[in-house]
N, C-alpha and C. Protein backbone atom coordinates (compact mmCIF):
# COMPACT_ATOMS: atom_id res chain seq x y z
N MET A 1 0.81 -1.12 0.30
CA MET A 1 0.05 0.12 0.05
C MET A 1 0.91 1.12 0.26
N ASN A 2 0.96 1.92 -0.85
CA ASN A 2 1.80 3.66 -1.04
C ASN A 2 1.14 4.10 -0.28
N THR A 3 1.29 5.16 0.31
CA THR A 3 1.19 6.62 1.18
C THR A 3 1.77 7.75 0.53
N ALA A 4 1.08 8.79 0.65
CA ALA A 4 1.52 9.88 -0.09
C ALA A 4 2.52 10.46 1.10
N LYS A 5 2.42 9.86 2.37
CA LYS A 5 3.68 10.74 3.63
C LYS A 5 4.68 9.74 3.12
N GLU A 6 5.93 10.45 3.42
CA GLU A 6 7.21 9.64 3.17
C GLU A 6 7.58 9.31 5.03
N ASP A 7 7.39 9.68 5.85
CA ASP A 7 8.18 9.80 7.39
C ASP A 7 6.99 8.35 7.70
N VAL A 8 6.50 7.74 7.15
CA VAL A 8 5.71 6.85 7.96
C VAL A 8 6.72 5.44 7.62
N LEU A 9 7.02 5.04 8.90
CA LEU A 9 7.64 3.86 8.90
C LEU A 9 7.19 2.79 9.17
N PHE A 10 6.42 2.32 9.95
CA PHE A 10 5.36 1.38 9.69
C PHE A 10 4.01 1.18 9.87
N GLN A 11 3.13 0.45 9.47
CA GLN A 11 1.78 0.35 9.32
C GLN A 11 1.06 -0.59 10.89
N GLN A 12 0.41 -0.64 10.98
CA GLN A 12 -0.40 -1.46 12.11
C GLN A 12 -1.96 -1.72 11.94
N VAL A 13 -2.09 -2.86 11.79
CA VAL A 13 -3.84 -3.33 12.24
C VAL A 13 -3.75 -3.47 13.62
N ASP A 14 -5.05 -2.37 14.23
CA ASP A 14 -5.45 -3.01 15.40
C ASP A 14 -6.45 -4.18 15.31
N ASP A 15 -7.06 -4.59 16.39
CA ASP A 15 -7.97 -5.49 16.36
C ASP A 15 -9.14 -5.34 15.74
N GLU A 16 -9.73 -4.26 15.86
CA GLU A 16 -10.97 -3.70 14.80
C GLU A 16 -10.53 -3.19 13.29
N GLY A 17 -9.54 -3.94 13.16
CA GLY A 17 -9.21 -3.42 11.50
C GLY A 17 -8.72 -2.32 10.80
N VAL A 18 -8.81 -1.16 11.99
CA VAL A 18 -8.11 0.38 11.85
C VAL A 18 -6.53 0.18 11.68
N VAL A 19 -6.04 0.95 10.52
CA VAL A 19 -4.68 1.10 10.12
C VAL A 19 -3.92 2.12 10.70
N LYS A 20 -3.46 1.82 11.59
CA LYS A 20 -2.50 2.89 12.41
C LYS A 20 -1.19 3.11 12.13
N GLU A 21 -0.49 4.14 11.38
CA GLU A 21 0.66 4.64 11.14
C GLU A 21 1.66 4.93 12.64
N ILE A 22 2.80 4.44 12.11
CA ILE A 22 3.52 4.62 13.08
C ILE A 22 4.79 5.28 12.74
N THR A 23 5.25 6.28 12.87
CA THR A 23 6.10 7.43 12.43
C THR A 23 7.41 7.21 12.72
N GLY A 24 7.85 6.64 14.07
CA GLY A 24 9.04 6.49 14.36
C GLY A 24 9.35 5.43 15.29
N PRO A 25 10.49 4.97 15.46
CA PRO A 25 10.91 4.01 16.11
C PRO A 25 10.21 3.49 17.42
N GLU A 26 9.73 2.20 17.64
CA GLU A 26 9.25 2.41 19.06
C GLU A 26 10.38 1.95 20.31
N SER A 27 11.51 1.47 19.71
CA SER A 27 12.41 1.28 20.71
C SER A 27 13.98 1.68 19.94
N ARG A 28 14.78 1.81 20.96
CA ARG A 28 16.01 1.84 20.25
C ARG A 28 17.24 0.94 20.56
N LYS A 29 18.40 0.71 20.59
CA LYS A 29 19.54 -0.08 20.98
C LYS A 29 20.11 0.71 21.74
N TYR A 30 20.51 0.25 22.80
CA TYR A 30 21.61 0.90 23.60
C TYR A 30 22.59 -0.36 24.40
N LEU A 31 23.76 0.60 24.10
CA LEU A 31 25.13 -0.78 24.68
C LEU A 31 25.30 -0.05 26.17
N ILE A 32 24.57 -1.08 27.31
CA ILE A 32 25.19 -0.72 28.29
C ILE A 32 26.09 -1.32 29.03
N PHE A 33 26.80 -0.30 29.58
CA PHE A 33 27.96 -0.62 30.73
C PHE A 33 28.18 -0.16 31.97
N ILE A 34 29.01 -0.65 32.89
CA ILE A 34 28.73 -0.46 34.05
C ILE A 34 29.82 0.58 34.49
N ILE A 35 29.51 1.26 35.47
CA ILE A 35 30.38 2.13 36.31
C ILE A 35 30.58 2.14 37.51
N ASP A 36 31.27 1.33 38.55
CA ASP A 36 30.77 1.22 39.89
C ASP A 36 29.20 0.83 39.80
N ASN A 37 29.20 -0.36 39.41
CA ASN A 37 28.20 -1.39 39.50
C ASN A 37 26.57 -0.51 39.21
N LEU A 38 26.55 0.36 38.69
CA LEU A 38 25.85 1.65 38.30
C LEU A 38 25.47 0.98 36.55
N LYS A 39 24.71 0.52 36.19
CA LYS A 39 23.89 0.27 34.40
C LYS A 39 24.06 1.48 34.04
N ILE A 40 24.88 1.79 32.86
CA ILE A 40 24.67 3.47 31.99
C ILE A 40 24.52 2.98 30.76
N GLY A 41 23.63 3.09 29.88
CA GLY A 41 23.28 3.28 28.44
C GLY A 41 23.29 4.17 27.48
N ILE A 42 23.62 3.98 26.62
CA ILE A 42 24.42 4.90 25.29
C ILE A 42 23.61 4.57 23.99
N ASP A 43 22.97 5.21 23.13
CA ASP A 43 22.49 4.94 22.29
C ASP A 43 23.32 4.00 21.31
N ALA A 44 23.43 3.17 20.71
CA ALA A 44 24.03 2.67 20.35
C ALA A 44 24.54 3.03 18.70
N GLU A 45 23.62 4.13 18.33
CA GLU A 45 23.99 4.73 17.06
C GLU A 45 25.59 5.77 17.21
N TYR A 46 25.64 5.77 18.42
CA TYR A 46 27.04 6.74 18.62
C TYR A 46 27.95 5.74 18.94
N VAL A 47 27.77 4.73 18.95
CA VAL A 47 29.47 3.71 19.41
C VAL A 47 30.03 3.15 18.02
N VAL A 48 31.10 3.33 17.90
CA VAL A 48 31.90 3.49 16.34
C VAL A 48 32.50 2.04 16.95
N GLU A 49 33.04 1.64 18.38
CA GLU A 49 33.81 0.74 18.58
C GLU A 49 34.45 0.27 20.41
N ILE A 50 34.51 -0.62 20.43
CA ILE A 50 34.86 -0.99 21.85
C ILE A 50 36.50 -1.61 21.96
N LEU A 51 37.49 -0.93 22.20
CA LEU A 51 38.52 -1.77 22.54
C LEU A 51 38.75 -1.81 23.98
N ASN A 52 39.75 -2.92 24.19
CA ASN A 52 40.49 -3.59 25.28
C ASN A 52 41.78 -3.36 25.75
N SER A 53 42.00 -2.86 24.69
CA SER A 53 43.68 -2.86 24.32
C SER A 53 44.22 -1.01 23.51
N TYR A 54 44.71 -0.17 24.55
CA TYR A 54 45.15 1.31 23.64
C TYR A 54 46.21 1.71 24.93
N SER A 55 46.68 3.07 24.12
CA SER A 55 47.68 3.34 24.76
C SER A 55 47.26 5.13 24.74
N ALA A 56 47.26 5.43 25.83
CA ALA A 56 47.01 7.19 25.95
C ALA A 56 48.40 7.74 26.08
N THR A 57 48.05 8.84 25.60
CA THR A 57 49.27 9.83 25.46
C THR A 57 49.29 11.20 26.41
N TYR A 58 49.17 11.44 27.20
CA TYR A 58 49.34 12.30 28.57
C TYR A 58 48.95 13.55 28.00
N LEU A 59 48.08 14.87 28.42
CA LEU A 59 48.16 15.76 27.66
C LEU A 59 48.03 16.65 29.05
N PRO A 60 48.78 17.84 29.12
CA PRO A 60 49.18 19.29 30.20
C PRO A 60 48.14 19.69 29.97
N MET A 61 47.55 20.17 31.17
CA MET A 61 46.76 21.33 31.38
C MET A 61 45.47 21.13 30.96
N MET A 62 45.15 19.87 30.85
CA MET A 62 43.59 19.51 30.68
C MET A 62 42.71 19.38 32.16
N PRO A 63 41.54 18.95 32.16
CA PRO A 63 40.86 18.77 32.82
C PRO A 63 40.99 17.48 33.67
N ASP A 64 40.61 17.16 34.87
CA ASP A 64 41.12 16.03 35.45
C ASP A 64 40.55 14.63 34.62
N TYR A 65 39.60 14.50 33.99
CA TYR A 65 38.30 13.53 33.51
C TYR A 65 38.95 13.58 32.08
N ILE A 66 40.06 14.40 31.60
CA ILE A 66 40.78 14.03 30.33
C ILE A 66 41.61 13.04 30.65
N GLU A 67 41.75 11.87 30.09
CA GLU A 67 43.24 11.10 30.17
C GLU A 67 44.47 11.41 29.17
N GLY A 68 43.79 11.87 28.20
CA GLY A 68 44.93 11.85 27.25
C GLY A 68 44.11 11.57 25.66
N ILE A 69 45.05 11.41 24.78
CA ILE A 69 44.58 11.03 23.46
C ILE A 69 44.94 9.98 23.39
N PHE A 70 44.47 8.99 22.09
CA PHE A 70 45.14 7.98 21.52
C PHE A 70 45.00 8.40 20.14
N ASN A 71 45.50 7.46 19.63
CA ASN A 71 45.51 7.38 17.46
C ASN A 71 44.93 6.21 17.13
N MET A 72 43.64 6.46 16.76
CA MET A 72 42.87 5.21 16.58
C MET A 72 42.78 5.58 14.84
N ARG A 73 43.86 4.86 13.99
CA ARG A 73 44.05 4.66 12.77
C ARG A 73 44.61 5.93 11.82
N GLY A 74 45.03 6.59 12.30
CA GLY A 74 45.39 8.00 11.76
C GLY A 74 44.58 9.16 12.67
N GLN A 75 43.36 9.02 13.09
CA GLN A 75 42.58 9.98 13.79
C GLN A 75 43.23 10.12 15.48
N ILE A 76 43.24 11.32 15.61
CA ILE A 76 43.40 11.36 17.30
C ILE A 76 42.07 11.69 17.86
N ILE A 77 42.14 11.07 19.16
CA ILE A 77 40.81 10.95 19.92
C ILE A 77 41.02 11.12 21.34
N PRO A 78 40.68 11.94 21.85
CA PRO A 78 40.55 12.58 23.40
C PRO A 78 39.73 11.38 23.90
N ILE A 79 40.55 10.88 25.22
CA ILE A 79 39.91 9.84 26.16
C ILE A 79 39.55 10.45 27.62
N MET A 80 38.45 10.13 28.25
CA MET A 80 37.53 10.88 28.78
C MET A 80 37.15 9.46 30.13
N ASP A 81 37.76 9.94 31.45
CA ASP A 81 37.75 8.82 32.47
C ASP A 81 36.04 9.33 32.71
N ILE A 82 34.95 8.29 32.19
CA ILE A 82 33.34 8.64 32.50
C ILE A 82 33.22 8.75 34.04
N ARG A 83 34.50 8.30 34.69
CA ARG A 83 34.02 7.68 36.05
C ARG A 83 33.80 9.34 36.95
N GLN A 84 35.19 9.65 36.51
CA GLN A 84 35.45 11.31 37.25
C GLN A 84 34.35 12.08 36.45
N ARG A 85 34.05 12.35 35.48
CA ARG A 85 32.96 13.16 35.05
C ARG A 85 31.82 13.19 35.78
N LEU A 86 31.20 12.11 35.92
CA LEU A 86 30.18 11.37 36.55
C LEU A 86 30.60 11.62 38.25
N GLY A 87 31.57 12.05 38.75
CA GLY A 87 31.61 12.74 40.42
C GLY A 87 32.08 11.75 41.05
N LYS A 88 32.62 10.41 40.26
CA LYS A 88 33.16 9.17 41.16
C LYS A 88 34.67 9.24 40.93
N TYR A 89 35.50 8.79 42.27
CA TYR A 89 37.13 8.58 41.96
C TYR A 89 37.67 7.48 40.75
N PRO A 90 38.59 8.04 40.44
CA PRO A 90 38.94 7.20 39.39
C PRO A 90 39.34 5.69 40.00
N LYS A 91 39.59 4.73 38.67
CA LYS A 91 39.38 3.49 39.26
C LYS A 91 41.23 3.09 39.22
N GLY A 92 41.68 3.80 37.96
CA GLY A 92 43.02 3.33 37.71
C GLY A 92 42.83 1.88 37.29
N GLY A 93 44.18 1.43 36.90
CA GLY A 93 44.10 -0.07 36.38
C GLY A 93 43.63 -0.47 34.78
N GLU A 94 43.05 -1.39 34.68
CA GLU A 94 42.76 -1.53 33.08
C GLU A 94 41.06 -1.55 33.06
N SER A 95 40.91 -0.95 31.70
CA SER A 95 39.85 -0.29 31.40
C SER A 95 39.05 -0.71 29.99
N LEU A 96 37.99 -0.82 29.79
CA LEU A 96 37.78 -0.54 28.45
C LEU A 96 37.42 0.55 27.67
N LEU A 97 37.90 0.99 26.89
CA LEU A 97 37.14 2.21 25.68
C LEU A 97 36.46 1.79 24.89
N ILE A 98 35.45 2.57 24.98
CA ILE A 98 34.06 2.36 24.10
C ILE A 98 34.19 4.08 23.52
N VAL A 99 34.36 4.20 22.02
CA VAL A 99 34.51 4.97 21.03
C VAL A 99 33.45 5.47 20.69
N LEU A 100 32.58 6.82 20.81
CA LEU A 100 31.64 7.27 20.26
C LEU A 100 31.56 8.57 18.97
N ASP A 101 30.67 8.33 18.53
CA ASP A 101 31.22 9.94 17.37
C ASP A 101 29.38 10.44 17.56
N TYR A 102 29.43 11.50 18.10
CA TYR A 102 28.27 12.37 17.73
C TYR A 102 28.45 13.82 17.03
N ASN A 103 27.69 13.93 16.36
CA ASN A 103 27.96 15.16 15.06
C ASN A 103 29.36 15.35 14.74
N ASP A 104 29.59 13.86 14.13
CA ASP A 104 31.25 14.32 13.73
C ASP A 104 32.28 14.39 14.87
N THR A 105 32.15 14.40 15.96
CA THR A 105 32.96 14.85 17.21
C THR A 105 33.17 13.04 17.96
N GLN A 106 34.66 12.87 17.35
CA GLN A 106 34.61 11.63 18.48
C GLN A 106 35.44 11.71 19.50
N LEU A 107 35.01 10.65 20.45
CA LEU A 107 35.31 10.71 22.03
C LEU A 107 35.55 9.16 22.48
N GLY A 108 36.54 8.96 23.28
CA GLY A 108 36.87 7.70 23.83
C GLY A 108 36.69 7.84 25.41
N ILE A 109 35.26 7.07 25.89
CA ILE A 109 35.39 7.00 27.16
C ILE A 109 36.03 5.84 28.22
N GLN A 110 36.50 5.79 28.72
CA GLN A 110 36.59 4.46 29.60
C GLN A 110 35.72 4.53 30.37
N VAL A 111 35.24 2.59 30.82
CA VAL A 111 33.94 2.20 31.36
C VAL A 111 34.87 0.88 32.17
N ASP A 112 34.28 0.51 33.38
CA ASP A 112 34.70 -0.73 33.80
C ASP A 112 34.42 -1.90 33.21
N ALA A 113 33.41 -2.10 32.45
CA ALA A 113 32.85 -3.50 31.71
C ALA A 113 31.49 -3.03 30.85
N VAL A 114 31.48 -3.67 29.99
CA VAL A 114 30.73 -3.68 28.59
C VAL A 114 29.79 -4.82 29.00
N GLU A 115 28.64 -4.87 29.31
CA GLU A 115 27.56 -5.82 29.75
C GLU A 115 26.78 -6.52 28.23
N LEU A 116 26.03 -5.69 27.45
CA LEU A 116 25.13 -6.08 26.61
C LEU A 116 24.63 -4.89 26.02
N MET A 117 24.13 -5.45 24.66
CA MET A 117 23.43 -4.00 23.82
C MET A 117 21.84 -4.93 24.06
N MET A 118 21.19 -3.54 23.94
CA MET A 118 19.56 -3.91 24.14
C MET A 118 18.86 -3.22 23.69
N ASP A 119 17.39 -3.73 23.18
CA ASP A 119 16.51 -2.85 22.94
C ASP A 119 15.54 -2.37 23.86
N ILE A 120 15.60 -1.07 24.00
CA ILE A 120 14.61 -0.74 25.13
C ILE A 120 13.23 -0.02 24.24
N PRO A 121 12.51 0.09 24.74
CA PRO A 121 11.18 0.94 24.48
C PRO A 121 11.23 2.32 24.81
N ASN A 122 10.64 3.00 24.02
CA ASN A 122 11.13 4.38 24.35
C ASN A 122 10.12 4.92 25.19
N ASP A 123 9.23 4.40 25.43
CA ASP A 123 8.32 4.72 26.44
C ASP A 123 8.58 4.39 27.61
N SER A 124 9.69 3.47 27.74
CA SER A 124 10.11 3.25 29.55
C SER A 124 11.08 3.96 29.88
N ILE A 125 11.40 4.96 29.08
CA ILE A 125 12.21 5.88 29.32
C ILE A 125 12.21 6.97 30.12
N LEU A 126 12.06 7.31 31.30
CA LEU A 126 11.34 8.65 32.12
C LEU A 126 12.68 9.38 32.38
N PRO A 127 12.36 10.63 32.61
CA PRO A 127 13.16 11.87 32.61
C PRO A 127 13.49 11.65 33.81
N ILE A 128 15.15 12.31 34.78
CA ILE A 128 15.61 12.45 35.62
C ILE A 128 14.67 13.49 36.33
N PRO A 129 15.15 13.31 37.75
CA PRO A 129 14.20 14.24 38.50
C PRO A 129 15.03 15.64 38.09
N SER A 130 13.81 17.01 37.89
CA SER A 130 14.51 17.90 37.15
C SER A 130 15.09 18.87 38.50
N ARG A 131 15.78 18.31 39.76
CA ARG A 131 16.32 19.10 40.91
C ARG A 131 18.17 18.12 40.78
N SER A 132 17.90 17.71 39.76
CA SER A 132 18.93 16.38 39.77
C SER A 132 20.45 17.27 39.34
N ALA A 133 20.99 16.96 40.13
CA ALA A 133 22.89 17.49 39.71
C ALA A 133 23.43 17.13 38.78
N GLN A 134 22.56 15.80 38.26
CA GLN A 134 23.56 15.15 37.17
C GLN A 134 23.24 15.87 35.98
N LYS A 135 23.84 16.29 35.22
CA LYS A 135 23.54 16.73 33.75
C LYS A 135 23.86 16.10 32.39
N LEU A 136 24.43 14.77 32.76
CA LEU A 136 25.23 14.08 31.74
C LEU A 136 24.19 13.05 31.66
N VAL A 137 23.09 12.71 32.38
CA VAL A 137 22.16 11.82 32.38
C VAL A 137 21.02 12.42 32.21
N SER A 138 20.46 11.83 30.80
CA SER A 138 19.01 12.45 30.46
C SER A 138 17.61 11.53 30.84
N GLY A 139 18.13 10.37 31.35
CA GLY A 139 16.76 9.13 31.88
C GLY A 139 17.30 8.22 32.22
N MET A 140 16.37 7.45 32.73
CA MET A 140 16.30 6.12 33.24
C MET A 140 15.44 5.33 33.02
N CYS A 141 15.47 3.90 33.41
CA CYS A 141 14.63 3.05 32.90
C CYS A 141 15.03 1.71 33.51
N THR A 142 13.77 1.32 33.97
CA THR A 142 13.98 -0.16 34.50
C THR A 142 14.19 -1.68 33.29
N LEU A 143 15.27 -1.79 33.20
CA LEU A 143 15.69 -3.06 32.18
C LEU A 143 14.51 -4.02 31.93
N PRO A 144 14.39 -4.59 30.60
CA PRO A 144 13.00 -5.05 30.35
C PRO A 144 13.43 -6.17 30.52
N ASP A 145 14.73 -6.99 30.66
CA ASP A 145 15.25 -8.44 31.41
C ASP A 145 14.84 -8.47 32.93
N GLY A 146 14.75 -7.23 33.48
CA GLY A 146 14.24 -7.40 34.73
C GLY A 146 15.83 -7.20 35.68
N SER A 147 16.89 -6.96 34.73
CA SER A 147 18.21 -7.01 35.41
C SER A 147 18.59 -5.70 36.11
N GLY A 148 17.82 -4.71 36.43
CA GLY A 148 17.93 -3.47 36.95
C GLY A 148 17.51 -2.11 36.54
N THR A 149 18.24 -1.06 36.90
CA THR A 149 17.99 -0.05 36.40
C THR A 149 18.96 0.63 35.37
N MET A 150 18.56 1.05 34.30
CA MET A 150 19.81 1.82 33.63
C MET A 150 19.31 3.23 33.93
N LEU A 151 20.68 4.06 33.70
CA LEU A 151 20.90 5.42 33.66
C LEU A 151 21.10 5.78 32.07
N VAL A 152 20.61 6.70 31.40
CA VAL A 152 20.84 7.00 29.89
C VAL A 152 22.05 7.88 29.92
N LEU A 153 22.69 7.90 29.00
CA LEU A 153 23.86 8.66 29.10
C LEU A 153 23.40 9.70 27.85
N ASP A 154 23.50 11.32 27.89
CA ASP A 154 23.34 12.51 27.36
C ASP A 154 24.44 12.99 26.14
N CYS A 155 24.66 12.06 25.22
CA CYS A 155 25.70 12.70 24.47
C CYS A 155 25.94 14.03 24.18
N GLU A 156 24.97 14.92 23.98
CA GLU A 156 25.06 16.37 23.73
C GLU A 156 25.89 16.83 24.98
N GLN A 157 25.43 16.63 26.19
CA GLN A 157 25.86 17.19 27.62
C GLN A 157 27.24 16.66 27.52
N LEU A 158 27.73 15.22 27.63
CA LEU A 158 28.52 14.78 27.34
C LEU A 158 29.73 15.42 26.28
N LEU A 159 29.40 15.69 25.27
CA LEU A 159 30.77 16.07 24.51
C LEU A 159 30.52 17.82 23.99
N GLY A 160 29.22 18.27 24.90
CA GLY A 160 29.49 19.71 24.92
C GLY A 160 30.56 20.55 25.81
N PRO A 161 30.43 21.42 26.13
CA PRO A 161 31.46 22.40 26.54
C PRO A 161 31.48 22.33 28.08
C-alpha cells in the first residue's frame, strides 16, 4: 500500500481492522556498560568501536577527567574517564574504551565493563528528577529483562563545553 507521506515507517492493524501509522521507532538499541555497579546506557548509533587495548598520551593542562589522547587509525581521539566526569573516584588499572561519534566529534570513554546491547522501548525511559545535579544523564528506565535500572547517558551534554 503506497501512502503520500514519506515519514511513515510502519503500519499496524489493530483488533478492529483500523490501520495505524507509526512514524518513528518504538524502541532504540542501547549499549549498556558498568561504572561502579551502575548500569549506564548509551544510544548504540553513537558507538563506533569498543577497545580493550589502547595506549594514551598524556596532555598537560587538561581537566582531570581527560586522560589524554590516542591514535585510532590516523585519527587523534581524546579519552575521557567517565567515572571522574560523573563525580566518582578514578579506578586506575585496566579499563575498556568505548569510542563514540556524535555530530562528527569522536571521543573515547573509559568504562569498567561492557554488559550487553539491548532494545529499550522509548516509552519506558523516564526523565530524571528536575532537581538532579547530574546533567550528563538524560533519563532512566527499568531494564526489560528485569536485571536492574539503567541510566541513559546524554551524548550532547557529554561532548558539550
